[in-house]
């Protein structure tokens, strides 16, 4: 039986055999991220890291709480009253995942929109719902920008796919996302967690030598450095607020 570490209205964290942790986002209605929620997620990832300890096997799965939504991006209205919202929340969240010492898996249960795309791409692996939900990142439609917004896309996706995501705001179904390499697996809702657990169990031992995050940094360190550079910055604006809200 899994052991519960966190059981709150907006977040749950359970530990399974083999140091496999399942982090469930359940922030109604669509798991949208604001600075406070980003910090809660960061705290959960830090708890996982400290619980497993160094040079041990382990992995984390980040999932949505239903088959309709995984995460629909950022609470864009927060920037109206807190210009540093992304600098103290979203950007550190991405940096935390890119430097995490254990394999990470995004279990994309449903719609994944806007800032949820780099959030998903910050994970090492992605498993997507095959029967519903889409992936789309529309900053070009919203007038939104931050330094390095395309870096992770460029490093992880083929050039034509990155262009479709950033400059065309294309919407991918699960089948299309698998074909274009956005996700590693697709599965029906009732099989998704099992597939993610199989991935986690397979790759968790790769953390035992203590170099997992160092080697990931060789692949995607440019993006991690970019996110760290605009994290916890209060003397200047680190992003261009959206001109349109959704």
C-alpha atoms as a PDB file:
ATOM      1  CA  UNK A   1       0.000   0.000   0.000  1.00  0.00           C
ATOM      2  CA  UNK A   2       1.277   3.500  -0.792  1.00  0.00           C
ATOM      3  CA  UNK A   3       2.209   5.728   2.129  1.00  0.00           C
ATOM      4  CA  UNK A   4       0.689   9.206   2.158  1.00  0.00           C
ATOM      5  CA  UNK A   5       3.143  12.077   2.761  1.00  0.00           C
ATOM      6  CA  UNK A   6       0.829  14.956   1.817  1.00  0.00           C
ATOM      7  CA  UNK A   7      -2.957  14.929   1.693  1.00  0.00           C
ATOM      8  CA  UNK A   8      -4.270  18.448   1.228  1.00  0.00           C
ATOM      9  CA  UNK A   9      -7.192  19.854  -0.763  1.00  0.00           C
ATOM     10  CA  UNK A  10      -4.908  21.020  -3.588  1.00  0.00           C
ATOM     11  CA  UNK A  11      -2.077  18.485  -3.456  1.00  0.00           C
ATOM     12  CA  UNK A  12      -1.393  14.863  -2.566  1.00  0.00           C
ATOM     13  CA  UNK A  13       1.896  12.975  -2.333  1.00  0.00           C
ATOM     14  CA  UNK A  14       2.133   9.206  -1.968  1.00  0.00           C
ATOM     15  CA  UNK A  15       5.150   6.936  -1.733  1.00  0.00           C
ATOM     16  CA  UNK A  16       5.124   3.539  -3.417  1.00  0.00           C
ATOM     17  CA  UNK A  17       7.585   0.640  -3.344  1.00  0.00           C
ATOM     18  CA  UNK A  18      10.997   1.357  -4.818  1.00  0.00           C
ATOM     19  CA  UNK A  19      11.014   5.031  -3.814  1.00  0.00           C
ATOM     20  CA  UNK A  20       8.414   5.866  -6.462  1.00  0.00           C
ATOM     21  CA  UNK A  21       6.530   9.020  -5.470  1.00  0.00           C
ATOM     22  CA  UNK A  22       3.240  10.098  -7.049  1.00  0.00           C
ATOM     23  CA  UNK A  23       2.447  13.811  -6.773  1.00  0.00           C
ATOM     24  CA  UNK A  24      -1.183  14.562  -7.600  1.00  0.00           C
ATOM     25  CA  UNK A  25      -2.257  18.090  -8.483  1.00  0.00           C
ATOM     26  CA  UNK A  26      -5.849  18.753  -7.452  1.00  0.00           C
ATOM     27  CA  UNK A  27      -6.182  22.511  -7.443  1.00  0.00           C
ATOM     28  CA  UNK A  28      -9.692  23.219  -8.703  1.00  0.00           C
ATOM     29  CA  UNK A  29     -10.794  23.718 -11.311  1.00  0.00           C
ATOM     30  CA  UNK A  30      -7.916  23.118 -13.772  1.00  0.00           C
ATOM     31  CA  UNK A  31      -4.693  22.937 -11.726  1.00  0.00           C
ATOM     32  CA  UNK A  32      -3.671  26.421 -12.843  1.00  0.00           C
ATOM     33  CA  UNK A  33      -0.384  27.572 -11.349  1.00  0.00           C
ATOM     34  CA  UNK A  34       0.108  30.752  -9.343  1.00  0.00           C
ATOM     35  CA  UNK A  35       3.152  31.703  -7.267  1.00  0.00           C
ATOM     36  CA  UNK A  36       1.751  30.103  -4.106  1.00  0.00           C
ATOM     37  CA  UNK A  37       0.912  26.825  -5.810  1.00  0.00           C
ATOM     38  CA  UNK A  38       4.264  26.710  -7.592  1.00  0.00           C
ATOM     39  CA  UNK A  39       5.975  27.003  -4.210  1.00  0.00           C
ATOM     40  CA  UNK A  40       3.817  24.178  -2.842  1.00  0.00           C
ATOM     41  CA  UNK A  41       4.941  21.976  -5.728  1.00  0.00           C
ATOM     42  CA  UNK A  42       8.570  22.960  -5.168  1.00  0.00           C
ATOM     43  CA  UNK A  43       8.236  22.076  -1.469  1.00  0.00           C
ATOM     44  CA  UNK A  44       6.822  18.674  -2.420  1.00  0.00           C
ATOM     45  CA  UNK A  45       9.693  17.974  -4.817  1.00  0.00           C
ATOM     46  CA  UNK A  46      12.167  19.022  -2.119  1.00  0.00           C
ATOM     47  CA  UNK A  47      10.459  16.684   0.361  1.00  0.00           C
ATOM     48  CA  UNK A  48      10.835  13.825  -2.125  1.00  0.00           C
ATOM     49  CA  UNK A  49      14.492  14.652  -2.696  1.00  0.00           C
ATOM     50  CA  UNK A  50      15.286  14.766   1.021  1.00  0.00           C
ATOM     51  CA  UNK A  51      13.270  11.639   1.801  1.00  0.00           C
ATOM     52  CA  UNK A  52      15.005   9.499  -0.812  1.00  0.00           C
ATOM     53  CA  UNK A  53      18.431  10.879   0.021  1.00  0.00           C
ATOM     54  CA  UNK A  54      21.600  10.852  -2.091  1.00  0.00           C
ATOM     55  CA  UNK A  55      22.826   7.928  -4.190  1.00  0.00           C
ATOM     56  CA  UNK A  56      19.590   5.982  -3.969  1.00  0.00           C
ATOM     57  CA  UNK A  57      17.047   4.818  -6.556  1.00  0.00           C
ATOM     58  CA  UNK A  58      13.927   6.902  -6.917  1.00  0.00           C
ATOM     59  CA  UNK A  59      11.543   8.675  -9.265  1.00  0.00           C
ATOM     60  CA  UNK A  60       8.555  11.001  -9.163  1.00  0.00           C
ATOM     61  CA  UNK A  61       5.352  11.030 -11.205  1.00  0.00           C
ATOM     62  CA  UNK A  62       3.407  14.309 -11.454  1.00  0.00           C
ATOM     63  CA  UNK A  63      -0.218  13.667 -12.359  1.00  0.00           C
ATOM     64  CA  UNK A  64      -3.533  15.473 -12.630  1.00  0.00           C
ATOM     65  CA  UNK A  65      -6.473  14.459 -10.489  1.00  0.00           C
ATOM     66  CA  UNK A  66      -8.903  13.567 -13.307  1.00  0.00           C
ATOM     67  CA  UNK A  67      -9.072  12.647 -16.977  1.00  0.00           C
ATOM     68  CA  UNK A  68     -10.108  16.131 -18.124  1.00  0.00           C
ATOM     69  CA  UNK A  69      -7.215  18.348 -17.033  1.00  0.00           C
ATOM     70  CA  UNK A  70      -3.536  17.934 -16.261  1.00  0.00           C
ATOM     71  CA  UNK A  71      -2.774  21.645 -15.966  1.00  0.00           C
ATOM     72  CA  UNK A  72      -4.041  24.635 -17.934  1.00  0.00           C
ATOM     73  CA  UNK A  73      -1.075  26.877 -17.320  1.00  0.00           C
ATOM     74  CA  UNK A  74      -0.683  29.999 -15.245  1.00  0.00           C
ATOM     75  CA  UNK A  75      -3.119  32.245 -13.429  1.00  0.00           C
ATOM     76  CA  UNK A  76      -2.351  35.192 -15.686  1.00  0.00           C
ATOM     77  CA  UNK A  77      -4.419  37.625 -13.618  1.00  0.00           C
ATOM     78  CA  UNK A  78      -1.976  37.284 -10.705  1.00  0.00           C
ATOM     79  CA  UNK A  79       0.552  39.477 -12.496  1.00  0.00           C
ATOM     80  CA  UNK A  80      -1.895  42.406 -12.294  1.00  0.00           C
ATOM     81  CA  UNK A  81      -1.237  42.662  -8.554  1.00  0.00           C
ATOM     82  CA  UNK A  82       2.084  40.828  -8.270  1.00  0.00           C
ATOM     83  CA  UNK A  83       4.506  41.652 -11.118  1.00  0.00           C
ATOM     84  CA  UNK A  84       7.010  39.143  -9.671  1.00  0.00           C
ATOM     85  CA  UNK A  85       4.558  36.235  -9.649  1.00  0.00           C
ATOM     86  CA  UNK A  86       6.397  34.111 -12.216  1.00  0.00           C
ATOM     87  CA  UNK A  87       9.816  35.056 -10.878  1.00  0.00           C
ATOM     88  CA  UNK A  88       8.944  33.731  -7.423  1.00  0.00           C
ATOM     89  CA  UNK A  89       6.861  30.780  -8.574  1.00  0.00           C
ATOM     90  CA  UNK A  90       6.775  29.406 -12.098  1.00  0.00           C
ATOM     91  CA  UNK A  91      10.415  29.952 -13.105  1.00  0.00           C
ATOM     92  CA  UNK A  92      11.843  28.384  -9.915  1.00  0.00           C
ATOM     93  CA  UNK A  93       9.449  25.451 -10.414  1.00  0.00           C
ATOM     94  CA  UNK A  94      10.887  24.717 -13.855  1.00  0.00           C
ATOM     95  CA  UNK A  95      14.440  25.137 -12.561  1.00  0.00           C
ATOM     96  CA  UNK A  96      13.717  22.713  -9.704  1.00  0.00           C
ATOM     97  CA  UNK A  97      12.580  19.987 -12.106  1.00  0.00           C
ATOM     98  CA  UNK A  98      15.485  20.467 -14.497  1.00  0.00           C
ATOM     99  CA  UNK A  99      17.933  20.043 -11.608  1.00  0.00           C
ATOM    100  CA  UNK A 100      16.042  17.237  -9.842  1.00  0.00           C
ATOM    101  CA  UNK A 101      18.370  14.342  -8.917  1.00  0.00           C
ATOM    102  CA  UNK A 102      15.854  11.619  -9.828  1.00  0.00           C
ATOM    103  CA  UNK A 103      13.918  10.727 -12.990  1.00  0.00           C
ATOM    104  CA  UNK A 104      10.681  12.662 -13.404  1.00  0.00           C
ATOM    105  CA  UNK A 105       7.540  11.657 -15.288  1.00  0.00           C
ATOM    106  CA  UNK A 106       4.619  13.890 -16.249  1.00  0.00           C
ATOM    107  CA  UNK A 107       1.424  11.834 -16.255  1.00  0.00           C
ATOM    108  CA  UNK A 108      -0.626  14.044 -18.572  1.00  0.00           C
ATOM    109  CA  UNK A 109      -4.148  13.040 -17.623  1.00  0.00           C
ATOM    110  CA  UNK A 110      -5.935  15.676 -19.724  1.00  0.00           C
ATOM    111  CA  UNK A 111      -5.706  19.147 -21.239  1.00  0.00           C
ATOM    112  CA  UNK A 112      -2.236  20.723 -21.028  1.00  0.00           C
ATOM    113  CA  UNK A 113      -2.276  24.381 -21.939  1.00  0.00           C
ATOM    114  CA  UNK A 114       0.023  27.414 -21.919  1.00  0.00           C
ATOM    115  CA  UNK A 115       2.681  27.341 -19.197  1.00  0.00           C
ATOM    116  CA  UNK A 116       1.823  23.695 -18.555  1.00  0.00           C
ATOM    117  CA  UNK A 117       3.767  22.866 -21.731  1.00  0.00           C
ATOM    118  CA  UNK A 118       7.202  23.892 -20.407  1.00  0.00           C
ATOM    119  CA  UNK A 119       6.136  22.404 -17.066  1.00  0.00           C
ATOM    120  CA  UNK A 120       5.535  19.053 -18.801  1.00  0.00           C
ATOM    121  CA  UNK A 121       8.682  19.356 -20.913  1.00  0.00           C
ATOM    122  CA  UNK A 122      10.738  19.979 -17.760  1.00  0.00           C
ATOM    123  CA  UNK A 123      10.023  16.354 -16.826  1.00  0.00           C
ATOM    124  CA  UNK A 124      12.210  13.603 -18.254  1.00  0.00           C
ATOM    125  CA  UNK A 125       9.308  11.524 -19.585  1.00  0.00           C
ATOM    126  CA  UNK A 126       5.684  12.174 -20.516  1.00  0.00           C
ATOM    127  CA  UNK A 127       2.738   9.778 -20.620  1.00  0.00           C
ATOM    128  CA  UNK A 128      -0.429  11.210 -22.188  1.00  0.00           C
ATOM    129  CA  UNK A 129      -4.108  10.332 -22.187  1.00  0.00           C
ATOM    130  CA  UNK A 130      -4.881   8.648 -25.511  1.00  0.00           C
ATOM    131  CA  UNK A 131      -8.612   9.277 -25.462  1.00  0.00           C
ATOM    132  CA  UNK A 132      -8.978  12.968 -24.555  1.00  0.00           C
ATOM    133  CA  UNK A 133      -7.070  16.171 -23.939  1.00  0.00           C
ATOM    134  CA  UNK A 134      -4.735  18.288 -26.016  1.00  0.00           C
ATOM    135  CA  UNK A 135      -1.383  20.027 -25.642  1.00  0.00           C
ATOM    136  CA  UNK A 136      -1.093  23.653 -26.742  1.00  0.00           C
ATOM    137  CA  UNK A 137       1.145  26.606 -25.905  1.00  0.00           C
ATOM    138  CA  UNK A 138      -0.313  29.896 -27.249  1.00  0.00           C
ATOM    139  CA  UNK A 139       1.948  32.787 -26.118  1.00  0.00           C
ATOM    140  CA  UNK A 140       1.909  34.076 -29.710  1.00  0.00           C
ATOM    141  CA  UNK A 141      -1.875  34.505 -29.402  1.00  0.00           C
ATOM    142  CA  UNK A 142      -1.704  36.063 -25.927  1.00  0.00           C
ATOM    143  CA  UNK A 143       1.198  38.464 -26.431  1.00  0.00           C
ATOM    144  CA  UNK A 144       3.154  36.735 -23.660  1.00  0.00           C
ATOM    145  CA  UNK A 145       6.938  36.396 -23.415  1.00  0.00           C
ATOM    146  CA  UNK A 146       9.755  35.723 -20.987  1.00  0.00           C
ATOM    147  CA  UNK A 147      13.492  35.329 -21.705  1.00  0.00           C
ATOM    148  CA  UNK A 148      14.237  31.770 -22.778  1.00  0.00           C
ATOM    149  CA  UNK A 149      10.603  30.828 -23.411  1.00  0.00           C
ATOM    150  CA  UNK A 150      11.689  28.763 -26.397  1.00  0.00           C
ATOM    151  CA  UNK A 151      14.915  27.280 -25.053  1.00  0.00           C
ATOM    152  CA  UNK A 152      13.461  24.118 -23.559  1.00  0.00           C
ATOM    153  CA  UNK A 153      11.351  23.551 -26.666  1.00  0.00           C
ATOM    154  CA  UNK A 154      14.395  23.967 -28.882  1.00  0.00           C
ATOM    155  CA  UNK A 155      16.457  21.549 -26.798  1.00  0.00           C
ATOM    156  CA  UNK A 156      13.806  18.831 -26.503  1.00  0.00           C
ATOM    157  CA  UNK A 157      11.798  18.993 -29.732  1.00  0.00           C
ATOM    158  CA  UNK A 158      12.528  18.837 -33.433  1.00  0.00           C
ATOM    159  CA  UNK A 159      12.798  22.331 -34.976  1.00  0.00           C
ATOM    160  CA  UNK A 160       9.544  22.006 -36.926  1.00  0.00           C
ATOM    161  CA  UNK A 161       7.691  20.803 -33.830  1.00  0.00           C
ATOM    162  CA  UNK A 162       9.099  23.600 -31.650  1.00  0.00           C
ATOM    163  CA  UNK A 163       8.020  26.108 -34.304  1.00  0.00           C
ATOM    164  CA  UNK A 164       4.490  24.702 -34.365  1.00  0.00           C
ATOM    165  CA  UNK A 165       4.291  25.001 -30.598  1.00  0.00           C
ATOM    166  CA  UNK A 166       5.766  28.464 -30.069  1.00  0.00           C
ATOM    167  CA  UNK A 167       4.935  30.357 -33.277  1.00  0.00           C
ATOM    168  CA  UNK A 168       1.746  28.614 -34.430  1.00  0.00           C
ATOM    169  CA  UNK A 169       0.053  27.638 -31.128  1.00  0.00           C
ATOM    170  CA  UNK A 170      -0.785  24.232 -32.568  1.00  0.00           C
ATOM    171  CA  UNK A 171      -2.993  21.849 -30.582  1.00  0.00           C
ATOM    172  CA  UNK A 172      -1.811  18.261 -30.364  1.00  0.00           C
ATOM    173  CA  UNK A 173      -3.967  15.260 -29.584  1.00  0.00           C
ATOM    174  CA  UNK A 174      -2.309  12.344 -27.810  1.00  0.00           C
ATOM    175  CA  UNK A 175      -1.754  10.526 -31.098  1.00  0.00           C
ATOM    176  CA  UNK A 176      -0.176  13.588 -32.709  1.00  0.00           C
ATOM    177  CA  UNK A 177       1.928  14.315 -29.626  1.00  0.00           C
ATOM    178  CA  UNK A 178       3.373  10.805 -29.730  1.00  0.00           C
ATOM    179  CA  UNK A 179       4.134  11.085 -33.448  1.00  0.00           C
ATOM    180  CA  UNK A 180       5.890  14.448 -32.963  1.00  0.00           C
ATOM    181  CA  UNK A 181       7.893  13.318 -29.928  1.00  0.00           C
ATOM    182  CA  UNK A 182       6.198  15.563 -27.353  1.00  0.00           C
ATOM    183  CA  UNK A 183       5.319  12.491 -25.279  1.00  0.00           C
ATOM    184  CA  UNK A 184       6.897   9.071 -24.827  1.00  0.00           C
ATOM    185  CA  UNK A 185       3.746   6.997 -24.385  1.00  0.00           C
ATOM    186  CA  UNK A 186      -0.017   7.297 -24.742  1.00  0.00           C
ATOM    187  CA  UNK A 187      -2.513   5.120 -22.890  1.00  0.00           C
ATOM    188  CA  UNK A 188      -6.214   5.105 -22.012  1.00  0.00           C
ATOM    189  CA  UNK A 189      -7.073   6.713 -18.662  1.00  0.00           C
ATOM    190  CA  UNK A 190      -7.423   3.431 -16.799  1.00  0.00           C
ATOM    191  CA  UNK A 191      -3.924   2.309 -17.874  1.00  0.00           C
ATOM    192  CA  UNK A 192      -1.993   5.573 -17.615  1.00  0.00           C
ATOM    193  CA  UNK A 193      -0.811   5.308 -14.025  1.00  0.00           C
ATOM    194  CA  UNK A 194       0.340   1.742 -14.570  1.00  0.00           C
ATOM    195  CA  UNK A 195       2.386   2.770 -17.604  1.00  0.00           C
ATOM    196  CA  UNK A 196       3.924   5.671 -15.682  1.00  0.00           C
ATOM    197  CA  UNK A 197       4.758   3.374 -12.761  1.00  0.00           C
ATOM    198  CA  UNK A 198       6.481   0.978 -15.162  1.00  0.00           C
ATOM    199  CA  UNK A 199       8.602   3.840 -16.509  1.00  0.00           C
ATOM    200  CA  UNK A 200       9.407   5.058 -13.011  1.00  0.00           C
ATOM    201  CA  UNK A 201      10.421   1.581 -11.817  1.00  0.00           C
ATOM    202  CA  UNK A 202      12.564   1.045 -14.895  1.00  0.00           C
ATOM    203  CA  UNK A 203      14.523   4.274 -14.619  1.00  0.00           C
ATOM    204  CA  UNK A 204      14.595   4.916 -10.847  1.00  0.00           C
ATOM    205  CA  UNK A 205      17.839   2.888 -10.420  1.00  0.00           C
ATOM    206  CA  UNK A 206      19.640   5.287 -12.767  1.00  0.00           C
ATOM    207  CA  UNK A 207      19.811   7.789  -9.883  1.00  0.00           C
ATOM    208  CA  UNK A 208      21.929   5.501  -7.699  1.00  0.00           C
ATOM    209  CA  UNK A 209      25.287   6.808  -8.927  1.00  0.00           C
ATOM    210  CA  UNK A 210      24.430  10.400  -8.037  1.00  0.00           C
ATOM    211  CA  UNK A 211      25.026  11.875 -11.492  1.00  0.00           C
ATOM    212  CA  UNK A 212      21.503  11.889 -12.954  1.00  0.00           C
ATOM    213  CA  UNK A 213      20.944  15.645 -12.677  1.00  0.00           C
ATOM    214  CA  UNK A 214      24.511  16.370 -13.799  1.00  0.00           C
ATOM    215  CA  UNK A 215      24.023  14.370 -16.969  1.00  0.00           C
ATOM    216  CA  UNK A 216      20.593  15.909 -17.576  1.00  0.00           C
ATOM    217  CA  UNK A 217      22.327  19.261 -17.281  1.00  0.00           C
ATOM    218  CA  UNK A 218      24.598  18.307 -20.164  1.00  0.00           C
ATOM    219  CA  UNK A 219      21.477  17.997 -22.313  1.00  0.00           C
ATOM    220  CA  UNK A 220      19.248  20.800 -21.028  1.00  0.00           C
ATOM    221  CA  UNK A 221      21.457  22.932 -18.783  1.00  0.00           C
ATOM    222  CA  UNK A 222      20.996  25.995 -20.987  1.00  0.00           C
ATOM    223  CA  UNK A 223      17.292  26.034 -20.126  1.00  0.00           C
ATOM    224  CA  UNK A 224      17.933  25.432 -16.428  1.00  0.00           C
ATOM    225  CA  UNK A 225      20.420  28.295 -16.267  1.00  0.00           C
ATOM    226  CA  UNK A 226      17.973  30.567 -18.067  1.00  0.00           C
ATOM    227  CA  UNK A 227      15.180  29.834 -15.601  1.00  0.00           C
ATOM    228  CA  UNK A 228      17.469  30.343 -12.616  1.00  0.00           C
ATOM    229  CA  UNK A 229      18.581  33.703 -14.008  1.00  0.00           C
ATOM    230  CA  UNK A 230      15.015  35.051 -13.944  1.00  0.00           C
ATOM    231  CA  UNK A 231      14.004  33.428 -10.638  1.00  0.00           C
ATOM    232  CA  UNK A 232      13.599  35.504  -7.462  1.00  0.00           C
ATOM    233  CA  UNK A 233      14.315  38.767  -9.294  1.00  0.00           C
ATOM    234  CA  UNK A 234      12.455  41.777  -7.884  1.00  0.00           C
ATOM    235  CA  UNK A 235      14.382  44.782  -9.178  1.00  0.00           C
ATOM    236  CA  UNK A 236      13.127  44.412 -12.744  1.00  0.00           C
ATOM    237  CA  UNK A 237      10.317  42.761 -14.653  1.00  0.00           C
ATOM    238  CA  UNK A 238      11.429  39.336 -15.937  1.00  0.00           C
ATOM    239  CA  UNK A 239       8.500  38.685 -18.268  1.00  0.00           C
ATOM    240  CA  UNK A 240       6.148  40.441 -20.638  1.00  0.00           C
ATOM    241  CA  UNK A 241       2.617  40.191 -19.222  1.00  0.00           C
ATOM    242  CA  UNK A 242      -0.017  38.758 -21.521  1.00  0.00           C
ATOM    243  CA  UNK A 243      -1.975  41.241 -23.604  1.00  0.00           C
ATOM    244  CA  UNK A 244      -4.913  38.845 -23.763  1.00  0.00           C
ATOM    245  CA  UNK A 245      -6.291  36.772 -20.888  1.00  0.00           C
ATOM    246  CA  UNK A 246      -7.945  33.367 -21.057  1.00  0.00           C
END
